[in-house]
């Protein structure tokens, strides 16, 4: 009779002793600069593509929360005036409210936690767009994507410190649009490199979804490759939720053992800080890693203002001749 004692019939451990699923933090960086989204919209539908992206993003966030009751989300906007935490609200934005406004993209019958995230996100975006329209003539249009990525990684680090006794997973998703490259991207090279180092240390993959535009974002491609992330370039916001629900839901623990749906090869060449042109050979500042293909004015690094040795500058000038 002892032979009948099969492991299947043995008493299992009580449910209370079973290990809970590891909590996961999804941090989303949304580039909301009006000039970028204007490239995708026509004159009669200035906010159409942005609203379509927002609808897909809300479904994506709700799906992440539905996987595990301990999952968390955070959303940060990179706009022309700086960055702003859309969710969770910062202490200075706790009193913002849009009672009476049209929130037609929110379903009133949805799960309470989903509705809390969705309403807060839509409200904060509405306030942000209203402020940008009021100060459109006073603010210089520039990209703050690198700063938003830094803020997102800072939030990931803070949450990981708070949950240091629990196994913790995190990933960062960047949603941007418009044409890649340009002077703005060159000036973001150093802060983006710092983000790569920080994300690698935190073991936080950085995923990128680039919507529209005819050029790839070289630095963001390099970011996803270095952090085991996924880079996708989609033509428009149509079917965006399908891309988010498939390619962007790959668990961080599986990134090294599956084939990620990246598109094409990554260009690891860098660009000159002064000219913006891609270079194969150039001089690199030993302080900030700024790449130069021409002699800098004043024999100083244009990025960190470090003074170069005269012998190095003279040698550089001889080579260029």
C-alpha atoms as a PDB file:
ATOM      1  CA  UNK A   1       0.000   0.000   0.000  1.00  0.00           C
ATOM      2  CA  UNK A   2       2.969   2.282   0.529  1.00  0.00           C
ATOM      3  CA  UNK A   3       3.585   2.215  -3.218  1.00  0.00           C
ATOM      4  CA  UNK A   4       0.255   3.944  -3.763  1.00  0.00           C
ATOM      5  CA  UNK A   5       1.563   6.964  -1.893  1.00  0.00           C
ATOM      6  CA  UNK A   6       2.050   9.126  -4.954  1.00  0.00           C
ATOM      7  CA  UNK A   7       3.120  12.804  -4.724  1.00  0.00           C
ATOM      8  CA  UNK A   8      -0.164  13.683  -6.382  1.00  0.00           C
ATOM      9  CA  UNK A   9      -2.116  12.507  -3.318  1.00  0.00           C
ATOM     10  CA  UNK A  10       0.164  14.165  -0.776  1.00  0.00           C
ATOM     11  CA  UNK A  11      -1.129  17.164   1.084  1.00  0.00           C
ATOM     12  CA  UNK A  12      -0.094  20.401  -0.593  1.00  0.00           C
ATOM     13  CA  UNK A  13       0.975  23.571   1.196  1.00  0.00           C
ATOM     14  CA  UNK A  14      -1.749  25.967   2.276  1.00  0.00           C
ATOM     15  CA  UNK A  15      -2.475  28.782  -0.177  1.00  0.00           C
ATOM     16  CA  UNK A  16      -1.162  31.352   2.299  1.00  0.00           C
ATOM     17  CA  UNK A  17       2.360  29.929   1.956  1.00  0.00           C
ATOM     18  CA  UNK A  18       2.469  30.245  -1.809  1.00  0.00           C
ATOM     19  CA  UNK A  19       4.738  32.971  -3.111  1.00  0.00           C
ATOM     20  CA  UNK A  20       2.945  35.894  -4.695  1.00  0.00           C
ATOM     21  CA  UNK A  21       3.798  37.014  -8.188  1.00  0.00           C
ATOM     22  CA  UNK A  22       6.615  39.551  -8.396  1.00  0.00           C
ATOM     23  CA  UNK A  23       5.296  43.138  -8.589  1.00  0.00           C
ATOM     24  CA  UNK A  24       6.200  45.124 -11.691  1.00  0.00           C
ATOM     25  CA  UNK A  25       6.506  48.864 -12.297  1.00  0.00           C
ATOM     26  CA  UNK A  26       5.743  50.261 -15.744  1.00  0.00           C
ATOM     27  CA  UNK A  27       6.977  53.827 -16.258  1.00  0.00           C
ATOM     28  CA  UNK A  28       5.835  55.556 -19.444  1.00  0.00           C
ATOM     29  CA  UNK A  29       7.500  58.646 -20.922  1.00  0.00           C
ATOM     30  CA  UNK A  30       5.223  60.487 -23.364  1.00  0.00           C
ATOM     31  CA  UNK A  31       6.713  63.140 -25.636  1.00  0.00           C
ATOM     32  CA  UNK A  32       3.906  65.707 -25.857  1.00  0.00           C
ATOM     33  CA  UNK A  33       5.771  68.489 -27.671  1.00  0.00           C
ATOM     34  CA  UNK A  34       3.140  70.124 -29.949  1.00  0.00           C
ATOM     35  CA  UNK A  35       5.532  70.568 -32.883  1.00  0.00           C
ATOM     36  CA  UNK A  36       6.114  66.807 -33.078  1.00  0.00           C
ATOM     37  CA  UNK A  37       2.459  65.798 -33.105  1.00  0.00           C
ATOM     38  CA  UNK A  38       1.671  68.600 -35.579  1.00  0.00           C
ATOM     39  CA  UNK A  39       3.732  66.690 -38.148  1.00  0.00           C
ATOM     40  CA  UNK A  40       1.269  63.796 -37.950  1.00  0.00           C
ATOM     41  CA  UNK A  41      -1.949  65.837 -37.894  1.00  0.00           C
ATOM     42  CA  UNK A  42      -3.570  67.805 -40.662  1.00  0.00           C
ATOM     43  CA  UNK A  43      -4.783  71.366 -40.274  1.00  0.00           C
ATOM     44  CA  UNK A  44      -8.362  70.318 -39.518  1.00  0.00           C
ATOM     45  CA  UNK A  45      -7.476  67.714 -36.898  1.00  0.00           C
ATOM     46  CA  UNK A  46      -4.733  69.124 -34.727  1.00  0.00           C
ATOM     47  CA  UNK A  47      -5.175  66.746 -31.775  1.00  0.00           C
ATOM     48  CA  UNK A  48      -6.458  63.621 -33.525  1.00  0.00           C
ATOM     49  CA  UNK A  49      -3.315  61.501 -33.493  1.00  0.00           C
ATOM     50  CA  UNK A  50      -2.480  62.475 -29.925  1.00  0.00           C
ATOM     51  CA  UNK A  51      -5.957  61.430 -28.736  1.00  0.00           C
ATOM     52  CA  UNK A  52      -5.632  58.112 -30.575  1.00  0.00           C
ATOM     53  CA  UNK A  53      -2.284  57.495 -28.888  1.00  0.00           C
ATOM     54  CA  UNK A  54      -3.777  58.371 -25.498  1.00  0.00           C
ATOM     55  CA  UNK A  55      -6.636  55.879 -25.926  1.00  0.00           C
ATOM     56  CA  UNK A  56      -4.203  53.068 -26.732  1.00  0.00           C
ATOM     57  CA  UNK A  57      -1.954  54.051 -23.846  1.00  0.00           C
ATOM     58  CA  UNK A  58      -4.837  53.920 -21.352  1.00  0.00           C
ATOM     59  CA  UNK A  59      -5.725  50.380 -22.445  1.00  0.00           C
ATOM     60  CA  UNK A  60      -2.060  49.383 -22.165  1.00  0.00           C
ATOM     61  CA  UNK A  61      -1.768  50.767 -18.625  1.00  0.00           C
ATOM     62  CA  UNK A  62      -4.990  49.053 -17.531  1.00  0.00           C
ATOM     63  CA  UNK A  63      -3.789  45.736 -18.925  1.00  0.00           C
ATOM     64  CA  UNK A  64      -0.550  46.037 -16.961  1.00  0.00           C
ATOM     65  CA  UNK A  65      -2.479  46.704 -13.739  1.00  0.00           C
ATOM     66  CA  UNK A  66      -4.796  43.768 -14.468  1.00  0.00           C
ATOM     67  CA  UNK A  67      -1.925  41.266 -14.574  1.00  0.00           C
ATOM     68  CA  UNK A  68      -1.180  41.618 -10.872  1.00  0.00           C
ATOM     69  CA  UNK A  69      -2.859  43.536  -8.060  1.00  0.00           C
ATOM     70  CA  UNK A  70       0.564  44.737  -6.855  1.00  0.00           C
ATOM     71  CA  UNK A  71       1.632  46.151 -10.229  1.00  0.00           C
ATOM     72  CA  UNK A  72       2.240  49.890 -10.454  1.00  0.00           C
ATOM     73  CA  UNK A  73       2.319  52.465 -13.235  1.00  0.00           C
ATOM     74  CA  UNK A  74       3.786  55.935 -13.627  1.00  0.00           C
ATOM     75  CA  UNK A  75       3.430  58.394 -16.519  1.00  0.00           C
ATOM     76  CA  UNK A  76       5.692  61.385 -17.173  1.00  0.00           C
ATOM     77  CA  UNK A  77       5.178  63.967 -19.922  1.00  0.00           C
ATOM     78  CA  UNK A  78       8.093  65.568 -21.772  1.00  0.00           C
ATOM     79  CA  UNK A  79       6.770  68.892 -23.067  1.00  0.00           C
ATOM     80  CA  UNK A  80       8.263  72.105 -24.413  1.00  0.00           C
ATOM     81  CA  UNK A  81       8.480  73.695 -20.947  1.00  0.00           C
ATOM     82  CA  UNK A  82      10.054  70.773 -19.100  1.00  0.00           C
ATOM     83  CA  UNK A  83       8.627  67.597 -17.618  1.00  0.00           C
ATOM     84  CA  UNK A  84       5.535  66.813 -15.582  1.00  0.00           C
ATOM     85  CA  UNK A  85       4.390  63.795 -13.572  1.00  0.00           C
ATOM     86  CA  UNK A  86       0.968  62.905 -14.927  1.00  0.00           C
ATOM     87  CA  UNK A  87       0.510  59.856 -12.700  1.00  0.00           C
ATOM     88  CA  UNK A  88       0.908  59.617  -9.792  1.00  0.00           C
ATOM     89  CA  UNK A  89       0.205  63.275  -9.136  1.00  0.00           C
ATOM     90  CA  UNK A  90       2.892  65.386  -7.554  1.00  0.00           C
ATOM     91  CA  UNK A  91       2.037  67.131  -4.302  1.00  0.00           C
ATOM     92  CA  UNK A  92       1.704  70.481  -6.099  1.00  0.00           C
ATOM     93  CA  UNK A  93      -0.963  69.109  -8.452  1.00  0.00           C
ATOM     94  CA  UNK A  94      -3.240  67.360  -5.989  1.00  0.00           C
ATOM     95  CA  UNK A  95      -5.985  69.985  -6.278  1.00  0.00           C
ATOM     96  CA  UNK A  96      -6.317  69.949 -10.071  1.00  0.00           C
ATOM     97  CA  UNK A  97      -9.793  68.907 -11.129  1.00  0.00           C
ATOM     98  CA  UNK A  98     -11.849  68.942 -14.303  1.00  0.00           C
ATOM     99  CA  UNK A  99     -15.353  68.498 -13.027  1.00  0.00           C
ATOM    100  CA  UNK A 100     -17.829  69.179 -15.791  1.00  0.00           C
ATOM    101  CA  UNK A 101     -15.300  68.692 -18.578  1.00  0.00           C
ATOM    102  CA  UNK A 102     -15.816  66.183 -21.349  1.00  0.00           C
ATOM    103  CA  UNK A 103     -13.967  62.957 -20.489  1.00  0.00           C
ATOM    104  CA  UNK A 104     -15.726  60.867 -23.123  1.00  0.00           C
ATOM    105  CA  UNK A 105     -12.800  58.489 -23.545  1.00  0.00           C
ATOM    106  CA  UNK A 106     -13.281  57.303 -19.940  1.00  0.00           C
ATOM    107  CA  UNK A 107     -15.813  54.554 -19.297  1.00  0.00           C
ATOM    108  CA  UNK A 108     -17.780  55.323 -16.137  1.00  0.00           C
ATOM    109  CA  UNK A 109     -18.484  51.635 -15.477  1.00  0.00           C
ATOM    110  CA  UNK A 110     -14.870  50.468 -15.475  1.00  0.00           C
ATOM    111  CA  UNK A 111     -12.947  49.005 -12.537  1.00  0.00           C
ATOM    112  CA  UNK A 112     -12.250  51.693  -9.940  1.00  0.00           C
ATOM    113  CA  UNK A 113      -8.449  51.401 -10.013  1.00  0.00           C
ATOM    114  CA  UNK A 114      -8.432  51.667 -13.812  1.00  0.00           C
ATOM    115  CA  UNK A 115     -10.719  54.685 -13.723  1.00  0.00           C
ATOM    116  CA  UNK A 116      -8.547  56.409 -11.128  1.00  0.00           C
ATOM    117  CA  UNK A 117      -5.476  56.108 -13.356  1.00  0.00           C
ATOM    118  CA  UNK A 118      -7.328  57.063 -16.537  1.00  0.00           C
ATOM    119  CA  UNK A 119      -9.086  60.116 -15.114  1.00  0.00           C
ATOM    120  CA  UNK A 120      -5.947  61.419 -13.440  1.00  0.00           C
ATOM    121  CA  UNK A 121      -3.923  61.027 -16.628  1.00  0.00           C
ATOM    122  CA  UNK A 122      -6.512  62.750 -18.830  1.00  0.00           C
ATOM    123  CA  UNK A 123      -6.991  65.592 -16.347  1.00  0.00           C
ATOM    124  CA  UNK A 124      -3.273  66.292 -16.026  1.00  0.00           C
ATOM    125  CA  UNK A 125      -2.812  66.225 -19.796  1.00  0.00           C
ATOM    126  CA  UNK A 126      -5.698  68.658 -20.236  1.00  0.00           C
ATOM    127  CA  UNK A 127      -4.117  71.085 -17.759  1.00  0.00           C
ATOM    128  CA  UNK A 128      -0.720  70.695 -19.443  1.00  0.00           C
ATOM    129  CA  UNK A 129      -2.065  71.403 -22.942  1.00  0.00           C
ATOM    130  CA  UNK A 130      -3.988  74.415 -21.656  1.00  0.00           C
ATOM    131  CA  UNK A 131      -0.814  75.846 -20.123  1.00  0.00           C
ATOM    132  CA  UNK A 132       1.197  75.235 -23.279  1.00  0.00           C
ATOM    133  CA  UNK A 133      -1.359  77.028 -25.468  1.00  0.00           C
ATOM    134  CA  UNK A 134      -1.271  80.049 -23.153  1.00  0.00           C
ATOM    135  CA  UNK A 135       2.530  80.244 -23.223  1.00  0.00           C
ATOM    136  CA  UNK A 136       3.143  79.059 -26.785  1.00  0.00           C
ATOM    137  CA  UNK A 137       4.662  82.395 -27.856  1.00  0.00           C
ATOM    138  CA  UNK A 138       6.884  82.709 -24.778  1.00  0.00           C
ATOM    139  CA  UNK A 139       8.535  79.285 -24.688  1.00  0.00           C
ATOM    140  CA  UNK A 140      11.302  78.021 -26.946  1.00  0.00           C
ATOM    141  CA  UNK A 141      10.330  74.733 -28.556  1.00  0.00           C
ATOM    142  CA  UNK A 142      12.933  72.171 -27.504  1.00  0.00           C
ATOM    143  CA  UNK A 143      12.985  68.490 -26.642  1.00  0.00           C
ATOM    144  CA  UNK A 144      13.037  67.488 -22.976  1.00  0.00           C
ATOM    145  CA  UNK A 145      12.869  63.751 -23.597  1.00  0.00           C
ATOM    146  CA  UNK A 146      16.223  62.996 -21.968  1.00  0.00           C
ATOM    147  CA  UNK A 147      15.173  64.853 -18.813  1.00  0.00           C
ATOM    148  CA  UNK A 148      11.919  62.898 -18.642  1.00  0.00           C
ATOM    149  CA  UNK A 149      13.815  59.620 -19.029  1.00  0.00           C
ATOM    150  CA  UNK A 150      16.110  60.642 -16.166  1.00  0.00           C
ATOM    151  CA  UNK A 151      13.078  61.459 -14.001  1.00  0.00           C
ATOM    152  CA  UNK A 152      11.515  58.094 -14.881  1.00  0.00           C
ATOM    153  CA  UNK A 153      14.637  56.186 -13.842  1.00  0.00           C
ATOM    154  CA  UNK A 154      14.786  58.225 -10.633  1.00  0.00           C
ATOM    155  CA  UNK A 155      11.219  57.162  -9.854  1.00  0.00           C
ATOM    156  CA  UNK A 156      12.109  53.524 -10.583  1.00  0.00           C
ATOM    157  CA  UNK A 157      15.036  53.754  -8.174  1.00  0.00           C
ATOM    158  CA  UNK A 158      12.853  55.287  -5.462  1.00  0.00           C
ATOM    159  CA  UNK A 159      10.206  52.578  -5.745  1.00  0.00           C
ATOM    160  CA  UNK A 160      12.870  49.856  -5.724  1.00  0.00           C
ATOM    161  CA  UNK A 161      14.266  51.297  -2.484  1.00  0.00           C
ATOM    162  CA  UNK A 162      10.809  51.271  -0.936  1.00  0.00           C
ATOM    163  CA  UNK A 163      10.325  47.620  -1.959  1.00  0.00           C
ATOM    164  CA  UNK A 164      13.862  46.472  -1.210  1.00  0.00           C
ATOM    165  CA  UNK A 165      12.631  43.428   0.735  1.00  0.00           C
ATOM    166  CA  UNK A 166      10.549  42.224  -2.229  1.00  0.00           C
ATOM    167  CA  UNK A 167      11.721  41.007  -5.609  1.00  0.00           C
ATOM    168  CA  UNK A 168      10.912  43.803  -8.032  1.00  0.00           C
ATOM    169  CA  UNK A 169      10.732  44.195 -11.819  1.00  0.00           C
ATOM    170  CA  UNK A 170      10.617  47.429 -13.784  1.00  0.00           C
ATOM    171  CA  UNK A 171      10.696  48.708 -17.337  1.00  0.00           C
ATOM    172  CA  UNK A 172      10.587  52.094 -19.022  1.00  0.00           C
ATOM    173  CA  UNK A 173       8.530  52.820 -22.155  1.00  0.00           C
ATOM    174  CA  UNK A 174       9.219  55.910 -24.271  1.00  0.00           C
ATOM    175  CA  UNK A 175       6.487  57.062 -26.698  1.00  0.00           C
ATOM    176  CA  UNK A 176       7.649  59.706 -29.153  1.00  0.00           C
ATOM    177  CA  UNK A 177       6.829  60.798 -32.682  1.00  0.00           C
ATOM    178  CA  UNK A 178       7.942  62.941 -35.584  1.00  0.00           C
ATOM    179  CA  UNK A 179      11.220  63.042 -37.465  1.00  0.00           C
ATOM    180  CA  UNK A 180      14.281  61.575 -35.796  1.00  0.00           C
ATOM    181  CA  UNK A 181      17.704  63.168 -35.668  1.00  0.00           C
ATOM    182  CA  UNK A 182      18.300  66.907 -35.766  1.00  0.00           C
ATOM    183  CA  UNK A 183      20.066  69.306 -33.449  1.00  0.00           C
ATOM    184  CA  UNK A 184      17.844  68.546 -30.462  1.00  0.00           C
ATOM    185  CA  UNK A 185      18.889  64.903 -30.490  1.00  0.00           C
ATOM    186  CA  UNK A 186      22.588  65.800 -30.688  1.00  0.00           C
ATOM    187  CA  UNK A 187      22.339  67.907 -27.535  1.00  0.00           C
ATOM    188  CA  UNK A 188      20.620  65.011 -25.737  1.00  0.00           C
ATOM    189  CA  UNK A 189      23.446  62.566 -26.435  1.00  0.00           C
ATOM    190  CA  UNK A 190      25.220  62.914 -23.080  1.00  0.00           C
ATOM    191  CA  UNK A 191      22.103  62.777 -20.839  1.00  0.00           C
ATOM    192  CA  UNK A 192      20.779  59.810 -22.821  1.00  0.00           C
ATOM    193  CA  UNK A 193      24.105  58.017 -22.316  1.00  0.00           C
ATOM    194  CA  UNK A 194      23.767  58.662 -18.581  1.00  0.00           C
ATOM    195  CA  UNK A 195      20.269  57.160 -18.744  1.00  0.00           C
ATOM    196  CA  UNK A 196      21.701  54.044 -20.398  1.00  0.00           C
ATOM    197  CA  UNK A 197      24.240  53.598 -17.595  1.00  0.00           C
ATOM    198  CA  UNK A 198      21.569  54.127 -14.923  1.00  0.00           C
ATOM    199  CA  UNK A 199      19.068  51.760 -16.554  1.00  0.00           C
ATOM    200  CA  UNK A 200      21.734  49.061 -16.866  1.00  0.00           C
ATOM    201  CA  UNK A 201      22.563  49.370 -13.184  1.00  0.00           C
ATOM    202  CA  UNK A 202      18.876  49.235 -12.237  1.00  0.00           C
ATOM    203  CA  UNK A 203      18.292  46.306 -14.638  1.00  0.00           C
ATOM    204  CA  UNK A 204      15.458  48.326 -16.167  1.00  0.00           C
ATOM    205  CA  UNK A 205      14.901  47.746 -19.916  1.00  0.00           C
ATOM    206  CA  UNK A 206      14.035  50.836 -21.951  1.00  0.00           C
ATOM    207  CA  UNK A 207      11.485  50.270 -24.730  1.00  0.00           C
ATOM    208  CA  UNK A 208      10.755  52.825 -27.447  1.00  0.00           C
ATOM    209  CA  UNK A 209       7.741  53.295 -29.724  1.00  0.00           C
ATOM    210  CA  UNK A 210       8.359  55.929 -32.390  1.00  0.00           C
ATOM    211  CA  UNK A 211       5.271  57.019 -34.313  1.00  0.00           C
ATOM    212  CA  UNK A 212       5.595  58.456 -37.807  1.00  0.00           C
ATOM    213  CA  UNK A 213       8.549  60.324 -39.262  1.00  0.00           C
ATOM    214  CA  UNK A 214      10.889  59.166 -41.999  1.00  0.00           C
ATOM    215  CA  UNK A 215      14.058  58.952 -39.896  1.00  0.00           C
ATOM    216  CA  UNK A 216      15.046  56.685 -37.056  1.00  0.00           C
ATOM    217  CA  UNK A 217      16.181  58.014 -33.701  1.00  0.00           C
ATOM    218  CA  UNK A 218      19.760  56.714 -33.566  1.00  0.00           C
ATOM    219  CA  UNK A 219      20.319  57.449 -29.887  1.00  0.00           C
ATOM    220  CA  UNK A 220      17.060  55.797 -28.834  1.00  0.00           C
ATOM    221  CA  UNK A 221      17.930  52.755 -30.930  1.00  0.00           C
ATOM    222  CA  UNK A 222      21.257  52.522 -29.126  1.00  0.00           C
ATOM    223  CA  UNK A 223      19.432  52.920 -25.805  1.00  0.00           C
ATOM    224  CA  UNK A 224      17.135  49.957 -26.398  1.00  0.00           C
ATOM    225  CA  UNK A 225      19.996  47.784 -27.631  1.00  0.00           C
ATOM    226  CA  UNK A 226      22.151  48.522 -24.577  1.00  0.00           C
ATOM    227  CA  UNK A 227      19.346  47.910 -22.057  1.00  0.00           C
ATOM    228  CA  UNK A 228      17.750  44.785 -23.611  1.00  0.00           C
ATOM    229  CA  UNK A 229      14.787  46.866 -24.727  1.00  0.00           C
ATOM    230  CA  UNK A 230      12.534  46.854 -27.789  1.00  0.00           C
ATOM    231  CA  UNK A 231      12.534  49.555 -30.471  1.00  0.00           C
ATOM    232  CA  UNK A 232       9.554  49.823 -32.817  1.00  0.00           C
ATOM    233  CA  UNK A 233       8.890  52.395 -35.514  1.00  0.00           C
ATOM    234  CA  UNK A 234       5.217  52.466 -36.524  1.00  0.00           C
ATOM    235  CA  UNK A 235       3.789  54.544 -39.336  1.00  0.00           C
ATOM    236  CA  UNK A 236       0.764  55.921 -37.481  1.00  0.00           C
ATOM    237  CA  UNK A 237      -1.380  55.508 -34.382  1.00  0.00           C
ATOM    238  CA  UNK A 238      -3.662  53.033 -36.160  1.00  0.00           C
ATOM    239  CA  UNK A 239      -3.318  49.629 -34.519  1.00  0.00           C
ATOM    240  CA  UNK A 240      -0.997  51.052 -31.858  1.00  0.00           C
ATOM    241  CA  UNK A 241      -2.644  49.038 -29.086  1.00  0.00           C
ATOM    242  CA  UNK A 242      -1.727  45.833 -30.933  1.00  0.00           C
ATOM    243  CA  UNK A 243       1.954  46.792 -30.914  1.00  0.00           C
ATOM    244  CA  UNK A 244       1.813  47.774 -27.246  1.00  0.00           C
ATOM    245  CA  UNK A 245      -0.019  44.603 -26.204  1.00  0.00           C
ATOM    246  CA  UNK A 246       2.431  42.286 -27.948  1.00  0.00           C
ATOM    247  CA  UNK A 247       5.946  43.634 -28.374  1.00  0.00           C
ATOM    248  CA  UNK A 248       5.887  45.859 -25.286  1.00  0.00           C
ATOM    249  CA  UNK A 249       4.543  43.268 -22.852  1.00  0.00           C
ATOM    250  CA  UNK A 250       7.644  41.060 -22.899  1.00  0.00           C
ATOM    251  CA  UNK A 251       8.648  40.339 -19.312  1.00  0.00           C
ATOM    252  CA  UNK A 252      12.083  41.768 -18.371  1.00  0.00           C
ATOM    253  CA  UNK A 253      13.222  38.350 -17.120  1.00  0.00           C
ATOM    254  CA  UNK A 254      12.643  36.882 -20.610  1.00  0.00           C
ATOM    255  CA  UNK A 255      14.470  39.547 -22.615  1.00  0.00           C
ATOM    256  CA  UNK A 256      17.724  37.573 -22.882  1.00  0.00           C
ATOM    257  CA  UNK A 257      16.238  34.252 -24.017  1.00  0.00           C
ATOM    258  CA  UNK A 258      13.719  35.283 -26.679  1.00  0.00           C
ATOM    259  CA  UNK A 259      14.005  37.060 -30.007  1.00  0.00           C
ATOM    260  CA  UNK A 260      12.816  40.619 -29.512  1.00  0.00           C
ATOM    261  CA  UNK A 261      10.788  42.222 -32.324  1.00  0.00           C
ATOM    262  CA  UNK A 262      13.317  44.938 -33.097  1.00  0.00           C
ATOM    263  CA  UNK A 263      13.354  46.409 -36.589  1.00  0.00           C
ATOM    264  CA  UNK A 264      16.562  46.390 -38.636  1.00  0.00           C
ATOM    265  CA  UNK A 265      20.117  46.924 -37.448  1.00  0.00           C
ATOM    266  CA  UNK A 266      21.287  49.542 -34.977  1.00  0.00           C
ATOM    267  CA  UNK A 267      23.593  52.312 -36.171  1.00  0.00           C
ATOM    268  CA  UNK A 268      26.254  52.600 -33.476  1.00  0.00           C
ATOM    269  CA  UNK A 269      27.963  55.584 -35.072  1.00  0.00           C
ATOM    270  CA  UNK A 270      27.715  58.867 -33.261  1.00  0.00           C
ATOM    271  CA  UNK A 271      27.368  62.463 -34.438  1.00  0.00           C
ATOM    272  CA  UNK A 272      29.579  65.491 -34.047  1.00  0.00           C
ATOM    273  CA  UNK A 273      28.307  67.768 -31.298  1.00  0.00           C
ATOM    274  CA  UNK A 274      28.983  70.903 -33.362  1.00  0.00           C
ATOM    275  CA  UNK A 275      28.040  69.917 -36.914  1.00  0.00           C
ATOM    276  CA  UNK A 276      25.427  67.226 -36.214  1.00  0.00           C
ATOM    277  CA  UNK A 277      26.915  64.989 -38.914  1.00  0.00           C
ATOM    278  CA  UNK A 278      27.572  61.287 -38.376  1.00  0.00           C
ATOM    279  CA  UNK A 279      31.296  60.607 -37.963  1.00  0.00           C
ATOM    280  CA  UNK A 280      33.323  57.406 -38.002  1.00  0.00           C
ATOM    281  CA  UNK A 281      36.482  58.985 -36.510  1.00  0.00           C
ATOM    282  CA  UNK A 282      36.584  61.959 -34.195  1.00  0.00           C
ATOM    283  CA  UNK A 283      37.941  63.356 -30.967  1.00  0.00           C
ATOM    284  CA  UNK A 284      36.187  62.578 -27.686  1.00  0.00           C
ATOM    285  CA  UNK A 285      36.194  64.770 -24.601  1.00  0.00           C
ATOM    286  CA  UNK A 286      37.611  62.715 -21.725  1.00  0.00           C
ATOM    287  CA  UNK A 287      35.257  64.439 -19.263  1.00  0.00           C
ATOM    288  CA  UNK A 288      31.811  64.193 -20.877  1.00  0.00           C
ATOM    289  CA  UNK A 289      32.425  61.896 -23.903  1.00  0.00           C
ATOM    290  CA  UNK A 290      31.377  64.640 -26.334  1.00  0.00           C
ATOM    291  CA  UNK A 291      32.393  63.722 -29.917  1.00  0.00           C
ATOM    292  CA  UNK A 292      33.931  66.402 -32.159  1.00  0.00           C
ATOM    293  CA  UNK A 293      34.928  66.354 -35.808  1.00  0.00           C
ATOM    294  CA  UNK A 294      35.974  70.030 -36.029  1.00  0.00           C
ATOM    295  CA  UNK A 295      38.107  72.205 -33.810  1.00  0.00           C
ATOM    296  CA  UNK A 296      35.975  73.683 -30.999  1.00  0.00           C
ATOM    297  CA  UNK A 297      35.895  77.453 -30.502  1.00  0.00           C
ATOM    298  CA  UNK A 298      38.141  78.688 -27.712  1.00  0.00           C
ATOM    299  CA  UNK A 299      39.770  75.240 -27.417  1.00  0.00           C
ATOM    300  CA  UNK A 300      37.046  74.271 -24.966  1.00  0.00           C
ATOM    301  CA  UNK A 301      34.512  71.453 -24.982  1.00  0.00           C
ATOM    302  CA  UNK A 302      31.173  72.867 -26.186  1.00  0.00           C
ATOM    303  CA  UNK A 303      29.265  70.487 -23.886  1.00  0.00           C
ATOM    304  CA  UNK A 304      31.024  70.674 -20.510  1.00  0.00           C
ATOM    305  CA  UNK A 305      33.350  73.685 -21.074  1.00  0.00           C
ATOM    306  CA  UNK A 306      36.466  71.689 -20.186  1.00  0.00           C
ATOM    307  CA  UNK A 307      39.680  73.201 -21.526  1.00  0.00           C
ATOM    308  CA  UNK A 308      41.595  71.049 -24.010  1.00  0.00           C
ATOM    309  CA  UNK A 309      45.350  70.677 -24.015  1.00  0.00           C
ATOM    310  CA  UNK A 310      47.028  72.833 -26.662  1.00  0.00           C
ATOM    311  CA  UNK A 311      49.059  69.880 -27.945  1.00  0.00           C
ATOM    312  CA  UNK A 312      45.878  67.898 -28.568  1.00  0.00           C
ATOM    313  CA  UNK A 313      44.266  70.825 -30.403  1.00  0.00           C
ATOM    314  CA  UNK A 314      47.349  71.406 -32.585  1.00  0.00           C
ATOM    315  CA  UNK A 315      47.489  67.700 -33.454  1.00  0.00           C
ATOM    316  CA  UNK A 316      43.784  67.729 -34.239  1.00  0.00           C
ATOM    317  CA  UNK A 317      44.198  70.708 -36.590  1.00  0.00           C
ATOM    318  CA  UNK A 318      47.088  69.037 -38.424  1.00  0.00           C
ATOM    319  CA  UNK A 319      45.029  65.891 -39.007  1.00  0.00           C
ATOM    320  CA  UNK A 320      42.074  67.898 -40.342  1.00  0.00           C
ATOM    321  CA  UNK A 321      44.360  69.629 -42.850  1.00  0.00           C
END
